[in-house]
Amino acid sequence: MLDLFPEAEKPVEIVPARKLVAKVAALYVAPSDHFETRPVDALRLGFDGISGDFHAGATRRSGGREPWYPRGTEMRNERQLSVVAADELAIVAERMGLAEIKPEWIGANLLIEGVPHLSMLPAGTLLFFKDGVTIKVDAQNGPCRIAGRSIAEHAGMVDIEASALLFPKSAKRLRGLVAWVEKPGTIKVGEEISVRVPEQWIYPS
């Protein structure tokens, strides 16, 4: 009988799923006309994301991150929420010669603590909030010069344009994650999170 799945010369390594425990350190929301956020005590989430937030919506328009579509193509909004970690922002700030980078400067919605290497959580990771909300990680959030300009302006950096370009280089794989709402509800500051990292593997070449 033909073996449809012969043992590969280089077997695919499977990393088992695991669970982590985290906490909501801070929450932020953006006005509908600008990506920068402001602190709040709670976020009310629907299937469209945060009601009234700059990134809310079931769909969005494609941009530079989706070169396979003409710019402005309507597509599924997998970027409803921006999730960051304080320890990673501290590294980026040091690389840029700054004392700090505040999450709201770069449009973050959730500041999470307790997860090492937050930006490296794989796509498909689920974050279960104690009061019932679930969000699902789509991907790393690629740093851009728009956020870099915001940092440069807030920090009072001398050369705004050069500093804006410095952020994408300094924040690569440290800029956090984008996620979407799988189960709606309300998230509160201080809430516990159960993080479920899925089974992982590298597709063989």
Protein backbone atom coordinates (compact mmCIF):
# COMPACT_ATOMS: atom_id res chain seq x y z
CA MET A 1 0.00 0.00 0.00
CA LEU A 2 1.29 3.42 -0.95
CA ASP A 3 2.55 5.40 2.03
CA LEU A 4 1.14 8.88 1.51
CA PHE A 5 3.07 10.25 4.48
CA PRO A 6 6.59 8.78 4.36
CA GLU A 7 8.85 9.77 7.24
CA ALA A 8 10.66 12.92 6.23
CA GLU A 9 14.43 13.15 6.20
CA LYS A 10 14.08 16.19 8.45
CA PRO A 11 11.01 15.65 10.66
CA VAL A 12 9.00 18.70 11.57
CA GLU A 13 9.59 19.65 15.19
CA ILE A 14 6.34 20.19 17.06
CA VAL A 15 6.38 22.51 20.08
CA PRO A 16 3.52 21.59 22.45
CA ALA A 17 0.81 24.05 23.38
CA ARG A 18 1.16 25.78 26.74
CA LYS A 19 -0.65 28.10 29.13
CA LEU A 20 0.59 31.32 30.72
CA VAL A 21 -0.91 33.68 33.26
CA ALA A 22 -0.88 37.44 32.68
CA LYS A 23 -2.57 40.62 33.90
CA VAL A 24 -4.03 43.77 32.38
CA ALA A 25 -1.69 46.57 33.48
CA ALA A 26 -3.46 49.39 31.61
CA LEU A 27 -6.13 50.03 28.98
CA TYR A 28 -6.40 52.69 26.30
CA VAL A 29 -8.85 53.87 23.67
CA ALA A 30 -8.35 56.07 20.59
CA PRO A 31 -10.73 58.78 19.40
CA SER A 32 -12.37 57.96 16.09
CA ASP A 33 -10.21 60.46 14.17
CA HIS A 34 -6.70 59.64 15.44
CA PHE A 35 -4.67 56.53 16.28
CA GLU A 36 -3.12 57.84 19.53
CA THR A 37 -4.90 56.53 22.61
CA ARG A 38 -5.79 57.74 26.12
CA PRO A 39 -6.00 55.73 29.38
CA VAL A 40 -9.34 54.31 30.54
CA ASP A 41 -10.40 52.00 33.36
CA ALA A 42 -12.31 49.56 31.14
CA LEU A 43 -12.80 48.61 27.49
CA ARG A 44 -16.17 47.48 26.18
CA LEU A 45 -15.56 45.15 23.25
CA GLY A 46 -17.95 43.96 20.57
CA PHE A 47 -17.32 41.83 17.52
CA ASP A 48 -16.25 45.05 15.77
CA GLY A 49 -13.64 45.82 18.43
CA ILE A 50 -13.80 48.87 20.70
CA SER A 51 -16.88 50.94 19.94
CA GLY A 52 -15.85 54.34 18.55
CA ASP A 53 -12.14 53.49 18.50
CA PHE A 54 -9.94 54.50 15.56
CA HIS A 55 -9.40 50.83 14.66
CA ALA A 56 -12.95 49.61 15.27
CA GLY A 57 -14.86 47.79 12.56
CA ALA A 58 -15.49 44.35 11.10
CA THR A 59 -13.54 45.41 8.02
CA ARG A 60 -10.75 47.86 7.23
CA ARG A 61 -8.97 49.32 4.21
CA SER A 62 -5.71 47.73 3.07
CA GLY A 63 -2.48 49.71 3.28
CA GLY A 64 1.25 49.28 2.93
CA ARG A 65 1.21 46.06 4.96
CA GLU A 66 -0.87 44.35 2.24
CA PRO A 67 1.01 44.97 -1.05
CA TRP A 68 -0.92 42.10 -2.67
CA TYR A 69 -4.06 44.31 -2.73
CA PRO A 70 -4.56 47.73 -4.29
CA ARG A 71 -4.31 50.28 -1.47
CA GLY A 72 -7.74 50.95 0.01
CA THR A 73 -9.21 47.50 -0.69
CA GLU A 74 -11.85 46.53 1.87
CA MET A 75 -10.72 43.49 3.86
CA ARG A 76 -11.31 41.70 7.17
CA ASN A 77 -10.18 43.79 10.15
CA GLU A 78 -7.74 41.63 12.08
CA ARG A 79 -6.17 44.74 13.66
CA GLN A 80 -8.96 45.71 16.06
CA LEU A 81 -6.66 45.77 19.10
CA SER A 82 -3.03 46.70 19.72
CA VAL A 83 -1.36 44.81 22.60
CA VAL A 84 2.01 45.85 24.07
CA ALA A 85 4.32 45.05 27.01
CA ALA A 86 6.17 47.58 29.19
CA ASP A 87 9.45 45.64 29.21
CA GLU A 88 9.60 45.60 25.41
CA LEU A 89 8.77 49.31 25.14
CA ALA A 90 11.58 50.00 27.62
CA ILE A 91 14.06 48.24 25.31
CA VAL A 92 12.86 50.26 22.32
CA ALA A 93 13.10 53.50 24.32
CA GLU A 94 16.69 52.70 25.33
CA ARG A 95 17.60 51.99 21.71
CA MET A 96 16.15 55.36 20.71
CA GLY A 97 17.91 57.20 23.53
CA LEU A 98 14.67 57.99 25.38
CA ALA A 99 13.67 57.69 29.01
CA GLU A 100 10.35 56.08 28.07
CA ILE A 101 7.83 55.36 25.34
CA LYS A 102 4.26 55.59 26.56
CA PRO A 103 1.83 53.02 25.12
CA GLU A 104 -0.65 55.71 24.13
CA TRP A 105 1.91 57.41 21.90
CA ILE A 106 1.84 54.41 19.57
CA GLY A 107 -1.88 53.68 19.75
CA ALA A 108 -1.82 50.74 22.16
CA ASN A 109 -5.11 49.47 23.60
CA LEU A 110 -3.83 46.90 26.10
CA LEU A 111 -0.69 46.94 28.22
CA ILE A 112 -0.08 43.35 29.36
CA GLU A 113 2.32 42.23 32.07
CA GLY A 114 3.53 38.74 32.95
CA VAL A 115 4.24 37.34 29.47
CA PRO A 116 7.94 37.13 28.54
CA HIS A 117 8.64 38.11 24.92
CA LEU A 118 5.04 39.20 24.34
CA SER A 119 5.69 40.16 20.72
CA MET A 120 6.80 36.61 19.95
CA LEU A 121 3.46 35.01 20.84
CA PRO A 122 2.38 33.17 17.69
CA ALA A 123 -0.68 33.81 15.58
CA GLY A 124 -3.65 31.97 17.00
CA THR A 125 -2.76 32.59 20.64
CA LEU A 126 -5.92 33.11 22.70
CA LEU A 127 -6.19 35.54 25.60
CA PHE A 128 -9.01 34.60 27.97
CA PHE A 129 -9.89 37.45 30.34
CA LYS A 130 -11.28 36.47 33.74
CA ASP A 131 -14.59 38.28 33.24
CA GLY A 132 -15.33 36.48 29.97
CA VAL A 133 -13.74 38.32 27.03
CA THR A 134 -11.58 36.41 24.56
CA ILE A 135 -9.27 37.99 22.00
CA LYS A 136 -7.20 36.18 19.38
CA VAL A 137 -3.72 37.17 18.24
CA ASP A 138 -3.38 37.71 14.51
CA ALA A 139 0.29 38.68 14.18
CA GLN A 140 3.14 40.86 15.34
CA ASN A 141 2.47 44.55 14.91
CA GLY A 142 5.07 45.85 12.50
CA PRO A 143 6.53 49.20 13.66
CA CYS A 144 6.01 52.10 11.26
CA ARG A 145 7.26 55.65 10.95
CA ILE A 146 3.80 57.09 11.71
CA ALA A 147 4.09 55.74 15.24
CA GLY A 148 7.75 56.79 15.19
CA ARG A 149 6.74 60.37 14.40
CA SER A 150 4.30 60.33 17.30
CA ILE A 151 7.06 59.18 19.65
CA ALA A 152 9.48 61.81 18.34
CA GLU A 153 6.95 64.61 18.78
CA HIS A 154 5.86 63.57 22.28
CA ALA A 155 9.45 63.03 23.43
CA GLY A 156 10.59 66.36 21.98
CA MET A 157 13.28 64.78 19.81
CA VAL A 158 15.26 67.31 17.76
CA ASP A 159 15.14 65.67 14.33
CA ILE A 160 11.54 64.48 13.95
CA GLU A 161 11.98 62.82 10.56
CA ALA A 162 15.16 60.92 11.45
CA SER A 163 13.65 59.85 14.77
CA ALA A 164 10.47 58.67 13.06
CA LEU A 165 12.57 56.39 10.86
CA LEU A 166 14.57 55.17 13.86
CA PHE A 167 11.51 53.62 15.48
CA PRO A 168 10.91 50.86 12.86
CA LYS A 169 14.55 49.78 13.20
CA SER A 170 14.57 49.92 17.01
CA ALA A 171 11.20 48.24 17.55
CA LYS A 172 11.43 45.30 15.17
CA ARG A 173 9.80 42.28 16.90
CA LEU A 174 9.24 44.39 20.02
CA ARG A 175 6.23 46.47 18.99
CA GLY A 176 3.62 44.08 20.37
CA LEU A 177 0.73 42.32 18.69
CA VAL A 178 -2.48 42.98 16.82
CA ALA A 179 -5.56 40.99 17.77
CA TRP A 180 -9.29 40.76 17.17
CA VAL A 181 -12.29 40.07 19.37
CA GLU A 182 -13.45 36.46 19.43
CA LYS A 183 -15.82 36.78 22.41
CA PRO A 184 -17.07 40.25 23.39
CA GLY A 185 -17.56 41.81 26.80
CA THR A 186 -15.76 44.24 29.09
CA ILE A 187 -12.07 44.21 30.09
CA LYS A 188 -10.95 45.98 33.27
CA VAL A 189 -7.57 47.16 34.51
CA GLY A 190 -6.03 44.58 36.84
CA GLU A 191 -7.96 41.68 35.33
CA GLU A 192 -6.25 38.29 35.14
CA ILE A 193 -5.65 36.69 31.75
CA SER A 194 -5.18 33.05 30.83
CA VAL A 195 -2.94 32.94 27.76
CA ARG A 196 -3.17 29.79 25.65
CA VAL A 197 -0.26 29.45 23.26
CA PRO A 198 -1.10 27.00 20.47
CA GLU A 199 0.99 24.08 19.27
CA GLN A 200 3.72 25.41 16.97
CA TRP A 201 5.92 24.22 14.12
CA ILE A 202 8.02 25.60 11.28
CA TYR A 203 6.79 24.57 7.84
CA PRO A 204 9.67 22.66 6.19
CA SER A 205 11.41 24.05 3.11
